[in-house]
Amino acid sequence: KCSICIVNDHAIITSDRGIAKAVEKH
């Protein structure tokens, strides 16, 4: 949660590339 800025129910901002890669698959 620290790493994820929730923009809406289908978009986020993060500096963590591992998180980015994992959530884009969904």
PDB file of all heavy atoms in Angstrom:
ATOM      1  N   LYS A   1       0.836  -1.210   0.000  1.00  0.00           N
ATOM      2  CA  LYS A   1       0.000   0.000   0.000  1.00  0.00           C
ATOM      3  C   LYS A   1       0.863   1.249   0.000  1.00  0.00           C
ATOM      4  O   LYS A   1       0.541   2.232  -0.674  1.00  0.00           O
ATOM      5  CB  LYS A   1      -0.952   0.002   1.208  1.00  0.00           C
ATOM      6  CG  LYS A   1      -1.798   1.273   1.316  1.00  0.00           C
ATOM      7  CD  LYS A   1      -2.666   1.467   0.086  1.00  0.00           C
ATOM      8  CE  LYS A   1      -3.224   2.875  -0.025  1.00  0.00           C
ATOM      9  NZ  LYS A   1      -2.231   3.868  -0.483  1.00  0.00           N
ATOM     10  N   CYS A   2       1.957   1.229   0.752  1.00  0.00           N
ATOM     11  CA  CYS A   2       2.879   2.379   0.726  1.00  0.00           C
ATOM     12  C   CYS A   2       3.317   2.692  -0.701  1.00  0.00           C
ATOM     13  O   CYS A   2       3.470   3.851  -1.078  1.00  0.00           O
ATOM     14  CB  CYS A   2       4.142   2.079   1.532  1.00  0.00           C
ATOM     15  SG  CYS A   2       3.902   1.819   3.287  1.00  0.00           S
ATOM     16  N   SER A   3       3.511   1.646  -1.483  1.00  0.00           N
ATOM     17  CA  SER A   3       4.108   1.781  -2.818  1.00  0.00           C
ATOM     18  C   SER A   3       3.103   2.113  -3.903  1.00  0.00           C
ATOM     19  O   SER A   3       3.499   2.438  -5.026  1.00  0.00           O
ATOM     20  CB  SER A   3       4.826   0.478  -3.194  1.00  0.00           C
ATOM     21  OG  SER A   3       5.835   0.174  -2.260  1.00  0.00           O
ATOM     22  N   ILE A   4       1.808   2.025  -3.607  1.00  0.00           N
ATOM     23  CA  ILE A   4       0.781   2.177  -4.636  1.00  0.00           C
ATOM     24  C   ILE A   4      -0.107   3.380  -4.356  1.00  0.00           C
ATOM     25  O   ILE A   4      -0.785   3.456  -3.329  1.00  0.00           O
ATOM     26  CB  ILE A   4      -0.080   0.903  -4.736  1.00  0.00           C
ATOM     27  CG1 ILE A   4       0.768  -0.267  -5.245  1.00  0.00           C
ATOM     28  CG2 ILE A   4      -1.287   1.129  -5.640  1.00  0.00           C
ATOM     29  CD1 ILE A   4       0.038  -1.592  -5.249  1.00  0.00           C
ATOM     30  N   CYS A   5      -0.102   4.314  -5.273  1.00  0.00           N
ATOM     31  CA  CYS A   5      -1.043   5.430  -5.262  1.00  0.00           C
ATOM     32  C   CYS A   5      -2.243   5.013  -6.102  1.00  0.00           C
ATOM     33  O   CYS A   5      -2.120   4.798  -7.319  1.00  0.00           O
ATOM     34  CB  CYS A   5      -0.380   6.676  -5.838  1.00  0.00           C
ATOM     35  SG  CYS A   5      -1.514   8.046  -6.127  1.00  0.00           S
ATOM     36  N   ILE A   6      -3.393   4.887  -5.463  1.00  0.00           N
ATOM     37  CA  ILE A   6      -4.606   4.439  -6.145  1.00  0.00           C
ATOM     38  C   ILE A   6      -5.253   5.640  -6.840  1.00  0.00           C
ATOM     39  O   ILE A   6      -5.649   6.613  -6.189  1.00  0.00           O
ATOM     40  CB  ILE A   6      -5.583   3.797  -5.138  1.00  0.00           C
ATOM     41  CG1 ILE A   6      -4.917   2.596  -4.456  1.00  0.00           C
ATOM     42  CG2 ILE A   6      -6.881   3.391  -5.836  1.00  0.00           C
ATOM     43  CD1 ILE A   6      -5.626   2.148  -3.194  1.00  0.00           C
ATOM     44  N   VAL A   7      -5.368   5.560  -8.150  1.00  0.00           N
ATOM     45  CA  VAL A   7      -5.938   6.651  -8.944  1.00  0.00           C
ATOM     46  C   VAL A   7      -7.440   6.430  -9.151  1.00  0.00           C
ATOM     47  O   VAL A   7      -8.244   7.344  -8.999  1.00  0.00           O
ATOM     48  CB  VAL A   7      -5.208   6.774 -10.295  1.00  0.00           C
ATOM     49  CG1 VAL A   7      -5.881   7.796 -11.197  1.00  0.00           C
ATOM     50  CG2 VAL A   7      -3.741   7.140 -10.061  1.00  0.00           C
ATOM     51  N   ASN A   8      -7.800   5.225  -9.497  1.00  0.00           N
ATOM     52  CA  ASN A   8      -9.204   4.819  -9.605  1.00  0.00           C
ATOM     53  C   ASN A   8      -9.241   3.299  -9.581  1.00  0.00           C
ATOM     54  O   ASN A   8      -8.257   2.665  -9.192  1.00  0.00           O
ATOM     55  CB  ASN A   8      -9.878   5.406 -10.862  1.00  0.00           C
ATOM     56  CG  ASN A   8      -9.138   5.068 -12.143  1.00  0.00           C
ATOM     57  OD1 ASN A   8      -8.539   3.996 -12.278  1.00  0.00           O
ATOM     58  ND2 ASN A   8      -9.163   5.978 -13.112  1.00  0.00           N
ATOM     59  N   ASP A   9     -10.355   2.701  -9.997  1.00  0.00           N
ATOM     60  CA  ASP A   9     -10.475   1.245  -9.876  1.00  0.00           C
ATOM     61  C   ASP A   9      -9.742   0.483 -10.970  1.00  0.00           C
ATOM     62  O   ASP A   9      -9.795  -0.748 -11.006  1.00  0.00           O
ATOM     63  CB  ASP A   9     -11.944   0.819  -9.834  1.00  0.00           C
ATOM     64  CG  ASP A   9     -12.702   1.147 -11.113  1.00  0.00           C
ATOM     65  OD1 ASP A   9     -12.102   1.769 -12.032  1.00  0.00           O
ATOM     66  OD2 ASP A   9     -13.888   0.783 -11.213  1.00  0.00           O
ATOM     67  N   HIS A  10      -9.028   1.202 -11.831  1.00  0.00           N
ATOM     68  CA  HIS A  10      -8.281   0.501 -12.880  1.00  0.00           C
ATOM     69  C   HIS A  10      -6.953   1.182 -13.212  1.00  0.00           C
ATOM     70  O   HIS A  10      -6.374   0.928 -14.259  1.00  0.00           O
ATOM     71  CB  HIS A  10      -9.127   0.368 -14.159  1.00  0.00           C
ATOM     72  CG  HIS A  10      -9.608   1.679 -14.707  1.00  0.00           C
ATOM     73  ND1 HIS A  10     -10.737   2.304 -14.249  1.00  0.00           N
ATOM     74  CD2 HIS A  10      -9.094   2.491 -15.668  1.00  0.00           C
ATOM     75  CE1 HIS A  10     -10.916   3.434 -14.903  1.00  0.00           C
ATOM     76  NE2 HIS A  10      -9.929   3.570 -15.768  1.00  0.00           N
ATOM     77  N   ALA A  11      -6.467   2.031 -12.303  1.00  0.00           N
ATOM     78  CA  ALA A  11      -5.213   2.737 -12.570  1.00  0.00           C
ATOM     79  C   ALA A  11      -4.487   3.052 -11.268  1.00  0.00           C
ATOM     80  O   ALA A  11      -5.113   3.423 -10.265  1.00  0.00           O
ATOM     81  CB  ALA A  11      -5.468   4.030 -13.342  1.00  0.00           C
ATOM     82  N   ILE A  12      -3.159   2.921 -11.300  1.00  0.00           N
ATOM     83  CA  ILE A  12      -2.323   3.231 -10.143  1.00  0.00           C
ATOM     84  C   ILE A  12      -1.050   3.944 -10.591  1.00  0.00           C
ATOM     85  O   ILE A  12      -0.704   3.934 -11.775  1.00  0.00           O
ATOM     86  CB  ILE A  12      -1.930   1.970  -9.345  1.00  0.00           C
ATOM     87  CG1 ILE A  12      -0.974   1.077 -10.171  1.00  0.00           C
ATOM     88  CG2 ILE A  12      -3.154   1.200  -8.880  1.00  0.00           C
ATOM     89  CD1 ILE A  12      -0.300  -0.028  -9.371  1.00  0.00           C
ATOM     90  N   ILE A  13      -0.359   4.530  -9.607  1.00  0.00           N
ATOM     91  CA  ILE A  13       0.979   5.075  -9.804  1.00  0.00           C
ATOM     92  C   ILE A  13       1.901   4.386  -8.808  1.00  0.00           C
ATOM     93  O   ILE A  13       1.547   4.241  -7.630  1.00  0.00           O
ATOM     94  CB  ILE A  13       1.005   6.598  -9.571  1.00  0.00           C
ATOM     95  CG1 ILE A  13       0.027   7.317 -10.503  1.00  0.00           C
ATOM     96  CG2 ILE A  13       2.419   7.148  -9.754  1.00  0.00           C
ATOM     97  CD1 ILE A  13      -0.173   8.792 -10.163  1.00  0.00           C
ATOM     98  N   THR A  14       3.074   3.967  -9.254  1.00  0.00           N
ATOM     99  CA  THR A  14       4.036   3.318  -8.362  1.00  0.00           C
ATOM    100  C   THR A  14       5.446   3.510  -8.897  1.00  0.00           C
ATOM    101  O   THR A  14       5.639   3.742 -10.104  1.00  0.00           O
ATOM    102  CB  THR A  14       3.730   1.813  -8.213  1.00  0.00           C
ATOM    103  OG1 THR A  14       4.611   1.250  -7.237  1.00  0.00           O
ATOM    104  CG2 THR A  14       3.903   1.069  -9.530  1.00  0.00           C
ATOM    105  N   SER A  15       6.415   3.403  -8.000  1.00  0.00           N
ATOM    106  CA  SER A  15       7.819   3.397  -8.424  1.00  0.00           C
ATOM    107  C   SER A  15       8.387   1.984  -8.428  1.00  0.00           C
ATOM    108  O   SER A  15       9.557   1.791  -8.756  1.00  0.00           O
ATOM    109  CB  SER A  15       8.654   4.285  -7.489  1.00  0.00           C
ATOM    110  OG  SER A  15       8.628   3.786  -6.166  1.00  0.00           O
ATOM    111  N   ASP A  16       7.554   1.008  -8.055  1.00  0.00           N
ATOM    112  CA  ASP A  16       8.009  -0.376  -7.954  1.00  0.00           C
ATOM    113  C   ASP A  16       7.694  -1.129  -9.252  1.00  0.00           C
ATOM    114  O   ASP A  16       6.532  -1.388  -9.570  1.00  0.00           O
ATOM    115  CB  ASP A  16       7.325  -1.054  -6.760  1.00  0.00           C
ATOM    116  CG  ASP A  16       7.919  -2.407  -6.438  1.00  0.00           C
ATOM    117  OD1 ASP A  16       7.732  -3.340  -7.252  1.00  0.00           O
ATOM    118  OD2 ASP A  16       8.563  -2.545  -5.389  1.00  0.00           O
ATOM    119  N   ARG A  17       8.737  -1.478  -9.993  1.00  0.00           N
ATOM    120  CA  ARG A  17       8.534  -2.129 -11.290  1.00  0.00           C
ATOM    121  C   ARG A  17       7.953  -3.535 -11.152  1.00  0.00           C
ATOM    122  O   ARG A  17       7.234  -4.007 -12.043  1.00  0.00           O
ATOM    123  CB  ARG A  17       9.855  -2.150 -12.066  1.00  0.00           C
ATOM    124  CG  ARG A  17      10.330  -0.751 -12.439  1.00  0.00           C
ATOM    125  CD  ARG A  17      11.532  -0.740 -13.355  1.00  0.00           C
ATOM    126  NE  ARG A  17      11.928   0.628 -13.660  1.00  0.00           N
ATOM    127  CZ  ARG A  17      11.356   1.384 -14.591  1.00  0.00           C
ATOM    128  NH1 ARG A  17      10.375   0.893 -15.321  1.00  0.00           N
ATOM    129  NH2 ARG A  17      11.763   2.629 -14.808  1.00  0.00           N
ATOM    130  N   GLY A  18       8.252  -4.209 -10.053  1.00  0.00           N
ATOM    131  CA  GLY A  18       7.673  -5.528  -9.824  1.00  0.00           C
ATOM    132  C   GLY A  18       6.171  -5.457  -9.650  1.00  0.00           C
ATOM    133  O   GLY A  18       5.428  -6.275 -10.203  1.00  0.00           O
ATOM    134  N   ILE A  19       5.711  -4.462  -8.891  1.00  0.00           N
ATOM    135  CA  ILE A  19       4.271  -4.251  -8.740  1.00  0.00           C
ATOM    136  C   ILE A  19       3.650  -3.912 -10.081  1.00  0.00           C
ATOM    137  O   ILE A  19       2.601  -4.464 -10.455  1.00  0.00           O
ATOM    138  CB  ILE A  19       3.990  -3.135  -7.711  1.00  0.00           C
ATOM    139  CG1 ILE A  19       4.293  -3.627  -6.291  1.00  0.00           C
ATOM    140  CG2 ILE A  19       2.542  -2.652  -7.807  1.00  0.00           C
ATOM    141  CD1 ILE A  19       4.125  -2.565  -5.222  1.00  0.00           C
ATOM    142  N   ALA A  20       4.283  -3.010 -10.818  1.00  0.00           N
ATOM    143  CA  ALA A  20       3.745  -2.600 -12.119  1.00  0.00           C
ATOM    144  C   ALA A  20       3.547  -3.800 -13.032  1.00  0.00           C
ATOM    145  O   ALA A  20       2.480  -3.965 -13.651  1.00  0.00           O
ATOM    146  CB  ALA A  20       4.678  -1.583 -12.762  1.00  0.00           C
ATOM    147  N   LYS A  21       4.544  -4.640 -13.122  1.00  0.00           N
ATOM    148  CA  LYS A  21       4.484  -5.807 -14.002  1.00  0.00           C
ATOM    149  C   LYS A  21       3.383  -6.763 -13.568  1.00  0.00           C
ATOM    150  O   LYS A  21       2.635  -7.306 -14.398  1.00  0.00           O
ATOM    151  CB  LYS A  21       5.839  -6.524 -14.001  1.00  0.00           C
ATOM    152  CG  LYS A  21       5.933  -7.677 -14.964  1.00  0.00           C
ATOM    153  CD  LYS A  21       7.335  -8.275 -14.957  1.00  0.00           C
ATOM    154  CE  LYS A  21       7.442  -9.456 -15.921  1.00  0.00           C
ATOM    155  NZ  LYS A  21       8.814 -10.045 -15.913  1.00  0.00           N
ATOM    156  N   ALA A  22       3.234  -6.957 -12.254  1.00  0.00           N
ATOM    157  CA  ALA A  22       2.235  -7.906 -11.745  1.00  0.00           C
ATOM    158  C   ALA A  22       0.811  -7.423 -11.986  1.00  0.00           C
ATOM    159  O   ALA A  22      -0.055  -8.203 -12.404  1.00  0.00           O
ATOM    160  CB  ALA A  22       2.467  -8.145 -10.253  1.00  0.00           C
ATOM    161  N   VAL A  23       0.541  -6.136 -11.742  1.00  0.00           N
ATOM    162  CA  VAL A  23      -0.840  -5.669 -11.842  1.00  0.00           C
ATOM    163  C   VAL A  23      -1.268  -5.448 -13.287  1.00  0.00           C
ATOM    164  O   VAL A  23      -2.456  -5.570 -13.617  1.00  0.00           O
ATOM    165  CB  VAL A  23      -1.080  -4.401 -11.002  1.00  0.00           C
ATOM    166  CG1 VAL A  23      -0.719  -4.635  -9.543  1.00  0.00           C
ATOM    167  CG2 VAL A  23      -0.341  -3.198 -11.548  1.00  0.00           C
ATOM    168  N   GLU A  24      -0.321  -5.123 -14.173  1.00  0.00           N
ATOM    169  CA  GLU A  24      -0.670  -4.926 -15.582  1.00  0.00           C
ATOM    170  C   GLU A  24      -1.241  -6.196 -16.195  1.00  0.00           C
ATOM    171  O   GLU A  24      -2.079  -6.133 -17.111  1.00  0.00           O
ATOM    172  CB  GLU A  24       0.553  -4.450 -16.362  1.00  0.00           C
ATOM    173  CG  GLU A  24       0.873  -2.983 -16.132  1.00  0.00           C
ATOM    174  CD  GLU A  24       2.175  -2.547 -16.789  1.00  0.00           C
ATOM    175  OE1 GLU A  24       3.047  -3.419 -17.029  1.00  0.00           O
ATOM    176  OE2 GLU A  24       2.320  -1.339 -17.040  1.00  0.00           O
ATOM    177  N   LYS A  25      -0.843  -7.342 -15.694  1.00  0.00           N
ATOM    178  CA  LYS A  25      -1.375  -8.618 -16.185  1.00  0.00           C
ATOM    179  C   LYS A  25      -2.864  -8.764 -15.896  1.00  0.00           C
ATOM    180  O   LYS A  25      -3.546  -9.587 -16.510  1.00  0.00           O
ATOM    181  CB  LYS A  25      -0.619  -9.781 -15.545  1.00  0.00           C
ATOM    182  CG  LYS A  25       0.843  -9.885 -15.947  1.00  0.00           C
ATOM    183  CD  LYS A  25       1.524 -11.023 -15.207  1.00  0.00           C
ATOM    184  CE  LYS A  25       2.993 -11.118 -15.551  1.00  0.00           C
ATOM    185  NZ  LYS A  25       3.681 -12.200 -14.768  1.00  0.00           N
ATOM    186  N   HIS A  26      -3.357  -7.959 -14.958  1.00  0.00           N
ATOM    187  CA  HIS A  26      -4.774  -8.025 -14.569  1.00  0.00           C
ATOM    188  C   HIS A  26      -5.562  -6.831 -15.099  1.00  0.00           C
ATOM    189  O   HIS A  26      -6.661  -6.540 -14.611  1.00  0.00           O
ATOM    190  CB  HIS A  26      -4.880  -8.110 -13.049  1.00  0.00           C
ATOM    191  CG  HIS A  26      -4.289  -9.366 -12.480  1.00  0.00           C
ATOM    192  ND1 HIS A  26      -5.020 -10.526 -12.314  1.00  0.00           N
ATOM    193  CD2 HIS A  26      -3.022  -9.655 -12.070  1.00  0.00           C
ATOM    194  CE1 HIS A  26      -4.244 -11.465 -11.805  1.00  0.00           C
ATOM    195  NE2 HIS A  26      -3.032 -10.975 -11.653  1.00  0.00           N
TER     196      HIS A  26
END
